[in-house]
Amino acid sequence: GETHLCLVRLRNGHLEMCQGEVGKPRPLDFNRKRRDGASLVLFERIATSDELKSGDEQ
């Protein structure tokens, strides 16, 4: 497999991941206006596992 170096952080209830290209250095920041070929992904939790089990998701 190939290795992609990345940065990961939890902020304001979101998981952010900035992943560099194969063989490139780890990204240095989470800037959304990227020019280095890195990908920035934002994940948001929509429900907890307990909420999904009970049907209480929002």
N, C-alpha and C. Protein backbone atom coordinates (compact mmCIF):
# COMPACT_ATOMS: atom_id res chain seq x y z
N GLY A 1 0.80 -1.18 0.00
CA GLY A 1 0.00 0.00 0.00
C GLY A 1 0.85 1.25 0.00
N GLU A 2 0.22 2.32 -0.32
CA GLU A 2 0.89 3.62 -0.37
C GLU A 2 0.56 4.41 0.88
N THR A 3 1.49 5.27 1.28
CA THR A 3 1.31 6.06 2.50
C THR A 3 0.96 7.50 2.15
N HIS A 4 -0.13 7.98 2.73
CA HIS A 4 -0.54 9.38 2.63
C HIS A 4 -0.38 9.97 4.03
N LEU A 5 0.49 10.96 4.21
CA LEU A 5 0.63 11.62 5.50
C LEU A 5 -0.50 12.63 5.66
N CYS A 6 -0.99 12.79 6.90
CA CYS A 6 -2.13 13.69 7.09
C CYS A 6 -2.10 14.35 8.45
N LEU A 7 -2.95 15.34 8.60
CA LEU A 7 -3.26 16.00 9.87
C LEU A 7 -4.70 15.67 10.19
N VAL A 8 -4.99 15.46 11.47
CA VAL A 8 -6.36 15.19 11.90
C VAL A 8 -6.64 16.02 13.14
N ARG A 9 -7.85 16.59 13.22
CA ARG A 9 -8.23 17.32 14.44
C ARG A 9 -9.73 17.24 14.64
N LEU A 10 -10.12 17.34 15.91
CA LEU A 10 -11.53 17.47 16.30
C LEU A 10 -11.74 18.92 16.69
N ARG A 11 -12.72 19.56 16.07
CA ARG A 11 -12.97 20.97 16.38
C ARG A 11 -14.44 21.26 16.21
N ASN A 12 -15.04 21.82 17.25
CA ASN A 12 -16.46 22.20 17.22
C ASN A 12 -17.36 21.05 16.79
N GLY A 13 -17.06 19.85 17.27
CA GLY A 13 -17.88 18.70 16.96
C GLY A 13 -17.66 18.11 15.58
N HIS A 14 -16.65 18.55 14.88
CA HIS A 14 -16.34 18.05 13.54
C HIS A 14 -14.97 17.37 13.54
N LEU A 15 -14.83 16.36 12.73
CA LEU A 15 -13.54 15.71 12.50
C LEU A 15 -13.02 16.24 11.18
N GLU A 16 -11.84 16.86 11.20
CA GLU A 16 -11.23 17.39 9.99
C GLU A 16 -9.97 16.59 9.67
N MET A 17 -9.79 16.25 8.40
CA MET A 17 -8.61 15.52 7.98
C MET A 17 -8.05 16.18 6.73
N CYS A 18 -6.77 16.53 6.77
CA CYS A 18 -6.08 17.08 5.62
C CYS A 18 -5.03 16.06 5.21
N GLN A 19 -5.20 15.46 4.04
CA GLN A 19 -4.36 14.35 3.59
C GLN A 19 -3.54 14.77 2.38
N GLY A 20 -2.21 14.58 2.49
CA GLY A 20 -1.32 14.91 1.39
C GLY A 20 -1.31 13.82 0.33
N GLU A 21 -0.68 14.13 -0.78
CA GLU A 21 -0.53 13.16 -1.86
C GLU A 21 0.54 12.13 -1.50
N VAL A 22 0.51 10.99 -2.15
CA VAL A 22 1.49 9.92 -1.91
C VAL A 22 2.90 10.47 -2.13
N GLY A 23 3.78 10.21 -1.16
CA GLY A 23 5.17 10.60 -1.28
C GLY A 23 5.45 12.06 -1.00
N LYS A 24 4.43 12.85 -0.71
CA LYS A 24 4.61 14.27 -0.41
C LYS A 24 4.68 14.47 1.10
N PRO A 25 5.24 15.59 1.55
CA PRO A 25 5.29 15.87 2.99
C PRO A 25 3.89 16.03 3.59
N ARG A 26 3.81 15.86 4.90
CA ARG A 26 2.55 16.06 5.62
C ARG A 26 2.11 17.51 5.45
N PRO A 27 0.82 17.75 5.20
CA PRO A 27 0.32 19.14 5.15
C PRO A 27 0.62 19.85 6.48
N LEU A 28 0.83 21.14 6.41
CA LEU A 28 1.20 21.91 7.59
C LEU A 28 0.02 22.59 8.27
N ASP A 29 -1.13 22.66 7.59
CA ASP A 29 -2.27 23.37 8.16
C ASP A 29 -3.58 22.84 7.56
N PHE A 30 -4.68 23.43 7.99
CA PHE A 30 -6.01 23.03 7.53
C PHE A 30 -6.62 24.10 6.62
N ASN A 31 -5.79 24.88 5.97
CA ASN A 31 -6.26 25.94 5.08
C ASN A 31 -7.16 25.33 3.99
N ARG A 32 -8.32 25.91 3.78
CA ARG A 32 -9.27 25.38 2.80
C ARG A 32 -8.89 25.75 1.36
N LYS A 33 -8.08 26.77 1.19
CA LYS A 33 -7.65 27.18 -0.15
C LYS A 33 -6.28 26.55 -0.42
N ARG A 34 -6.29 25.27 -0.78
CA ARG A 34 -5.07 24.49 -0.94
C ARG A 34 -4.50 24.64 -2.34
N ARG A 35 -3.18 24.67 -2.41
CA ARG A 35 -2.49 24.69 -3.70
C ARG A 35 -1.42 23.62 -3.76
N ASP A 36 -1.43 22.72 -2.77
CA ASP A 36 -0.37 21.71 -2.68
C ASP A 36 -0.85 20.31 -3.07
N GLY A 37 -2.08 20.19 -3.57
CA GLY A 37 -2.61 18.90 -3.97
C GLY A 37 -3.21 18.08 -2.84
N ALA A 38 -3.14 18.60 -1.62
CA ALA A 38 -3.71 17.88 -0.46
C ALA A 38 -5.23 17.96 -0.50
N SER A 39 -5.87 16.99 0.14
CA SER A 39 -7.33 16.95 0.24
C SER A 39 -7.75 17.30 1.65
N LEU A 40 -8.77 18.11 1.79
CA LEU A 40 -9.31 18.48 3.10
C LEU A 40 -10.72 17.93 3.18
N VAL A 41 -10.99 17.12 4.21
CA VAL A 41 -12.29 16.48 4.38
C VAL A 41 -12.84 16.85 5.75
N LEU A 42 -14.13 17.16 5.82
CA LEU A 42 -14.80 17.52 7.07
C LEU A 42 -15.92 16.51 7.31
N PHE A 43 -15.89 15.88 8.48
CA PHE A 43 -16.92 14.92 8.87
C PHE A 43 -17.73 15.51 10.01
N GLU A 44 -19.05 15.31 9.97
CA GLU A 44 -19.93 15.80 11.02
C GLU A 44 -20.77 14.64 11.54
N ARG A 45 -20.80 14.48 12.86
CA ARG A 45 -21.63 13.42 13.45
C ARG A 45 -23.09 13.84 13.36
N ILE A 46 -23.90 12.95 12.82
CA ILE A 46 -25.33 13.26 12.72
C ILE A 46 -26.13 12.60 13.82
N ALA A 47 -25.55 11.58 14.47
CA ALA A 47 -26.22 10.91 15.58
C ALA A 47 -25.22 10.01 16.30
N THR A 48 -25.47 9.78 17.58
CA THR A 48 -24.66 8.81 18.32
C THR A 48 -25.21 7.42 18.06
N SER A 49 -24.44 6.41 18.39
CA SER A 49 -24.92 5.03 18.19
C SER A 49 -26.18 4.77 19.02
N ASP A 50 -26.26 5.34 20.23
CA ASP A 50 -27.46 5.16 21.06
C ASP A 50 -28.68 5.83 20.41
N GLU A 51 -28.48 7.01 19.82
CA GLU A 51 -29.59 7.68 19.13
C GLU A 51 -30.07 6.87 17.93
N LEU A 52 -29.14 6.28 17.20
CA LEU A 52 -29.52 5.46 16.06
C LEU A 52 -30.31 4.23 16.49
N LYS A 53 -29.88 3.61 17.60
CA LYS A 53 -30.58 2.43 18.11
C LYS A 53 -32.00 2.77 18.55
N SER A 54 -32.17 3.95 19.16
CA SER A 54 -33.49 4.32 19.68
C SER A 54 -34.35 5.06 18.65
N GLY A 55 -33.75 5.44 17.52
CA GLY A 55 -34.51 6.17 16.50
C GLY A 55 -34.64 7.64 16.79
N ASP A 56 -33.78 8.19 17.68
CA ASP A 56 -33.87 9.60 18.07
C ASP A 56 -32.93 10.51 17.29
N GLU A 57 -32.37 10.06 16.16
CA GLU A 57 -31.43 10.91 15.44
C GLU A 57 -32.15 12.14 14.93
N GLN A 58 -31.40 13.22 14.78
CA GLN A 58 -31.98 14.50 14.37
C GLN A 58 -31.93 14.67 12.88
